N, C-alpha and C. Protein backbone atom coordinates (compact mmCIF):
# COMPACT_ATOMS: atom_id res chain seq x y z
N MET A 1 -25.72 -6.31 -108.90
CA MET A 1 -26.10 -4.80 -108.62
C MET A 1 -25.99 -4.57 -107.51
N TYR A 2 -26.80 -5.34 -106.48
CA TYR A 2 -26.66 -4.83 -105.25
C TYR A 2 -25.55 -4.79 -104.46
N ILE A 3 -24.46 -5.50 -104.79
CA ILE A 3 -23.25 -5.68 -104.28
C ILE A 3 -22.48 -4.54 -104.99
N ILE A 4 -22.42 -4.37 -106.08
CA ILE A 4 -21.80 -3.27 -106.67
C ILE A 4 -22.28 -1.85 -105.53
N LYS A 5 -23.75 -1.75 -105.68
CA LYS A 5 -24.11 -0.59 -105.13
C LYS A 5 -23.57 -0.32 -103.64
N GLU A 6 -23.39 -1.39 -102.98
CA GLU A 6 -22.87 -1.37 -101.73
C GLU A 6 -21.49 -0.74 -101.57
N ALA A 7 -20.76 -1.81 -102.50
CA ALA A 7 -19.34 -1.35 -102.44
C ALA A 7 -18.96 0.11 -102.70
N LEU A 8 -19.77 0.55 -103.90
CA LEU A 8 -19.38 1.99 -103.91
C LEU A 8 -19.95 2.66 -102.89
N THR A 9 -21.06 2.45 -102.24
CA THR A 9 -21.43 3.19 -101.20
C THR A 9 -20.57 3.29 -100.23
N ILE A 10 -19.91 2.24 -99.70
CA ILE A 10 -19.01 2.11 -98.76
C ILE A 10 -17.58 2.92 -99.05
N LEU A 11 -16.88 2.75 -100.61
CA LEU A 11 -16.44 3.52 -100.89
C LEU A 11 -16.28 5.09 -100.37
N ILE A 12 -17.58 5.44 -100.89
CA ILE A 12 -17.70 6.97 -100.87
C ILE A 12 -17.84 7.00 -99.20
N ARG A 13 -18.18 6.18 -98.37
CA ARG A 13 -18.10 6.74 -97.09
C ARG A 13 -16.70 6.79 -96.37
N LEU A 14 -15.95 5.80 -97.16
CA LEU A 14 -14.20 5.84 -96.71
C LEU A 14 -13.75 7.14 -97.51
N ILE A 15 -14.25 7.29 -98.37
CA ILE A 15 -13.29 8.78 -99.00
C ILE A 15 -14.05 10.14 -97.99
N ASP A 16 -15.51 9.97 -97.66
CA ASP A 16 -15.75 11.12 -96.95
C ASP A 16 -15.10 11.13 -95.25
N SER A 17 -14.92 9.85 -94.76
CA SER A 17 -14.20 9.81 -93.63
C SER A 17 -12.66 10.46 -93.69
N LEU A 18 -11.94 9.95 -94.87
CA LEU A 18 -10.57 10.41 -95.23
C LEU A 18 -10.62 11.92 -95.20
N ILE A 19 -11.49 12.38 -95.85
CA ILE A 19 -11.65 14.11 -96.11
C ILE A 19 -11.98 14.56 -94.71
N LEU A 20 -12.38 14.05 -93.76
CA LEU A 20 -12.85 14.74 -92.84
C LEU A 20 -11.30 14.63 -92.03
N VAL A 21 -10.73 13.46 -91.90
CA VAL A 21 -9.52 13.12 -91.26
C VAL A 21 -8.21 14.34 -91.85
N ARG A 22 -8.54 14.79 -93.06
CA ARG A 22 -7.71 15.79 -93.67
C ARG A 22 -8.02 16.79 -92.95
N VAL A 23 -9.10 17.19 -92.76
CA VAL A 23 -9.63 18.51 -92.39
C VAL A 23 -9.06 18.80 -90.78
N LEU A 24 -9.37 17.47 -90.07
CA LEU A 24 -8.80 17.65 -88.74
C LEU A 24 -7.16 17.68 -88.66
N LEU A 25 -6.76 17.02 -89.70
CA LEU A 25 -5.09 17.45 -89.52
C LEU A 25 -4.66 18.71 -89.96
N SER A 26 -5.34 19.24 -90.75
CA SER A 26 -5.27 20.90 -91.02
C SER A 26 -4.78 21.54 -89.67
N PHE A 27 -5.65 21.28 -88.82
CA PHE A 27 -5.32 22.05 -87.48
C PHE A 27 -4.10 21.45 -86.30
N PHE A 28 -3.58 20.54 -87.20
CA PHE A 28 -2.05 20.15 -86.35
C PHE A 28 -1.16 20.30 -87.35
N PRO A 29 -0.28 21.17 -87.42
CA PRO A 29 0.57 21.21 -88.39
C PRO A 29 1.71 20.34 -88.22
N THR A 30 2.23 19.83 -87.12
CA THR A 30 2.99 19.14 -86.81
C THR A 30 2.84 17.54 -87.08
N LEU A 31 1.36 17.38 -87.35
CA LEU A 31 1.13 15.82 -87.93
C LEU A 31 0.85 15.96 -89.29
N ARG A 32 1.45 16.95 -90.37
CA ARG A 32 0.83 16.87 -91.60
C ARG A 32 2.38 16.01 -92.23
N SER A 33 3.53 15.94 -91.57
CA SER A 33 4.71 15.20 -92.42
C SER A 33 4.66 13.99 -91.67
N SER A 34 3.30 13.19 -90.98
CA SER A 34 3.53 11.95 -90.51
C SER A 34 3.02 11.14 -91.95
N LYS A 35 3.41 9.89 -91.73
CA LYS A 35 2.96 8.85 -92.85
C LYS A 35 1.88 8.59 -92.84
N ILE A 36 0.62 8.70 -92.11
CA ILE A 36 -0.46 8.56 -91.96
C ILE A 36 -0.86 9.86 -92.85
N ALA A 37 -0.75 11.24 -92.55
CA ALA A 37 -1.25 12.24 -93.21
C ALA A 37 -0.92 12.35 -94.78
N GLU A 38 0.39 11.74 -95.11
CA GLU A 38 0.93 11.85 -96.39
C GLU A 38 -0.57 10.65 -97.10
N PHE A 39 -0.49 9.45 -96.11
CA PHE A 39 -1.52 8.80 -96.88
C PHE A 39 -2.81 9.27 -97.30
N VAL A 40 -3.46 10.21 -96.32
CA VAL A 40 -4.66 10.52 -96.28
C VAL A 40 -4.74 11.53 -97.56
N TYR A 41 -3.77 12.32 -97.61
CA TYR A 41 -3.42 13.17 -98.44
C TYR A 41 -3.37 12.53 -100.14
N GLN A 42 -2.80 11.57 -100.27
CA GLN A 42 -2.67 10.96 -101.07
C GLN A 42 -4.31 10.52 -101.99
N MET A 43 -4.71 10.31 -100.99
CA MET A 43 -6.04 9.17 -101.07
C MET A 43 -7.29 10.55 -101.36
N THR A 44 -7.17 11.59 -100.44
CA THR A 44 -7.97 12.53 -100.78
C THR A 44 -7.59 13.63 -102.05
N GLU A 45 -6.45 13.52 -102.13
CA GLU A 45 -6.33 14.68 -103.09
C GLU A 45 -6.95 14.36 -104.58
N PRO A 46 -7.15 13.34 -104.98
CA PRO A 46 -7.96 13.27 -106.51
C PRO A 46 -9.33 13.65 -106.45
N ILE A 47 -9.75 13.85 -105.37
CA ILE A 47 -11.44 14.12 -105.03
C ILE A 47 -11.27 15.91 -104.71
N MET A 48 -10.16 16.45 -103.93
CA MET A 48 -9.73 17.74 -103.36
C MET A 48 -9.34 18.58 -104.71
N ALA A 49 -8.49 18.15 -105.55
CA ALA A 49 -8.06 19.07 -106.21
C ALA A 49 -9.12 19.44 -107.47
N PRO A 50 -10.11 18.53 -107.95
CA PRO A 50 -10.96 19.48 -108.90
C PRO A 50 -11.91 19.84 -108.03
N CYS A 51 -12.60 19.91 -106.48
CA CYS A 51 -13.29 20.41 -106.01
C CYS A 51 -12.60 22.20 -105.66
N ARG A 52 -10.91 21.92 -105.86
CA ARG A 52 -10.71 23.66 -105.38
C ARG A 52 -10.47 24.05 -106.72
N ALA A 53 -10.32 23.56 -107.95
CA ALA A 53 -10.28 24.23 -109.16
C ALA A 53 -11.94 24.84 -109.53
N ILE A 54 -12.77 23.92 -109.20
CA ILE A 54 -14.04 24.74 -109.54
C ILE A 54 -14.31 26.08 -108.61
N LEU A 55 -14.08 25.75 -107.40
CA LEU A 55 -14.19 26.92 -106.30
C LEU A 55 -13.35 28.14 -106.75
N ASP A 56 -12.15 27.89 -107.63
CA ASP A 56 -11.14 28.79 -108.17
C ASP A 56 -12.08 29.65 -109.20
N ARG A 57 -12.65 28.92 -109.92
CA ARG A 57 -13.37 29.28 -111.27
C ARG A 57 -14.60 30.42 -110.61
N VAL A 58 -15.22 29.86 -109.85
CA VAL A 58 -16.27 30.72 -109.30
C VAL A 58 -15.91 31.52 -108.52
N GLY A 59 -14.50 32.03 -108.06
CA GLY A 59 -14.36 32.99 -107.12
C GLY A 59 -13.94 32.79 -105.57
N LEU A 60 -14.32 31.52 -105.03
CA LEU A 60 -14.30 31.10 -103.81
C LEU A 60 -13.07 30.50 -103.55
N GLY A 61 -11.80 30.57 -104.37
CA GLY A 61 -10.77 29.88 -103.92
C GLY A 61 -9.76 30.34 -103.18
N ASN A 62 -9.96 31.70 -103.53
CA ASN A 62 -8.70 32.75 -102.74
C ASN A 62 -9.33 33.27 -101.38
N GLY A 63 -8.63 32.95 -100.07
CA GLY A 63 -9.23 33.54 -98.88
C GLY A 63 -8.50 32.70 -97.67
N MET A 64 -9.28 33.20 -96.74
CA MET A 64 -8.72 32.38 -95.62
C MET A 64 -9.29 31.02 -95.32
N PHE A 65 -10.18 30.73 -95.97
CA PHE A 65 -11.11 29.40 -95.57
C PHE A 65 -11.19 28.20 -96.83
N ASP A 66 -10.62 27.18 -96.72
CA ASP A 66 -10.90 26.25 -97.66
C ASP A 66 -12.15 25.51 -97.76
N PHE A 67 -12.87 26.21 -98.89
CA PHE A 67 -13.86 25.51 -98.95
C PHE A 67 -14.22 23.88 -99.84
N SER A 68 -13.45 23.48 -100.31
CA SER A 68 -12.98 22.27 -101.00
C SER A 68 -13.80 21.33 -100.34
N PRO A 69 -13.48 20.72 -98.99
CA PRO A 69 -13.77 19.81 -98.40
C PRO A 69 -15.41 19.82 -98.18
N ILE A 70 -15.96 20.91 -98.23
CA ILE A 70 -17.55 20.99 -98.11
C ILE A 70 -17.99 20.61 -99.38
N LEU A 71 -17.58 21.37 -100.13
CA LEU A 71 -17.99 20.96 -101.96
C LEU A 71 -17.46 19.20 -102.28
N ALA A 72 -16.77 18.79 -101.74
CA ALA A 72 -16.60 17.41 -101.73
C ALA A 72 -17.38 16.44 -101.23
N PHE A 73 -17.62 16.84 -100.00
CA PHE A 73 -18.81 16.04 -99.14
C PHE A 73 -20.31 16.50 -99.82
N VAL A 74 -20.80 17.46 -100.46
CA VAL A 74 -21.80 17.54 -101.10
C VAL A 74 -21.80 16.97 -102.53
N LEU A 75 -20.78 17.01 -102.91
CA LEU A 75 -20.81 15.94 -104.28
C LEU A 75 -20.67 14.73 -104.10
N LEU A 76 -20.11 14.32 -103.12
CA LEU A 76 -19.69 12.93 -102.54
C LEU A 76 -21.35 12.21 -102.03
N ASP A 77 -22.33 13.20 -101.53
CA ASP A 77 -23.29 12.68 -100.94
C ASP A 77 -24.68 12.85 -102.22
N LEU A 78 -24.21 13.57 -103.12
CA LEU A 78 -25.14 13.50 -104.78
C LEU A 78 -24.75 12.63 -105.30
N ILE A 79 -23.64 11.79 -105.56
CA ILE A 79 -23.00 10.87 -106.01
C ILE A 79 -23.54 9.39 -105.25
N ALA A 80 -23.36 9.56 -103.89
CA ALA A 80 -24.13 8.20 -103.24
C ALA A 80 -25.57 8.00 -103.35
N SER A 81 -26.51 9.50 -103.45
CA SER A 81 -27.77 9.44 -103.42
C SER A 81 -28.33 8.75 -104.82
N LEU A 82 -27.19 9.27 -106.07
CA LEU A 82 -27.51 8.75 -107.50
C LEU A 82 -27.41 6.89 -107.45
N ILE A 83 -26.42 6.61 -106.86
CA ILE A 83 -26.06 5.04 -106.76
C ILE A 83 -26.98 4.51 -106.12
N ARG A 84 -27.87 5.12 -104.79
CA ARG A 84 -28.88 4.38 -104.05
C ARG A 84 -30.40 4.40 -104.98
N ALA A 85 -30.13 5.49 -105.76
CA ALA A 85 -31.42 5.71 -106.78
C ALA A 85 -31.50 4.56 -107.90
N LEU A 86 -30.52 4.12 -108.22
CA LEU A 86 -30.54 3.10 -109.09
C LEU A 86 -31.08 1.71 -108.81
């Protein structure tokens, strides 16, 4: 059980890091078409799309700022806390 918890914790940290890279890539439009950016977007989109959908339903999806990374960080942290508590 310990190994599974550690593996899931590492996976969540990795996803957190990729989301941070995705946020940083948004400041450099010329890098968005690179192979690394494509990889980051493919790995993080399964997390980001549901977060965007939740924010759209709440009414925070329309606007200048994308709050979906913040929601993703919060939800991933909550999941990591629940895994540690098991």
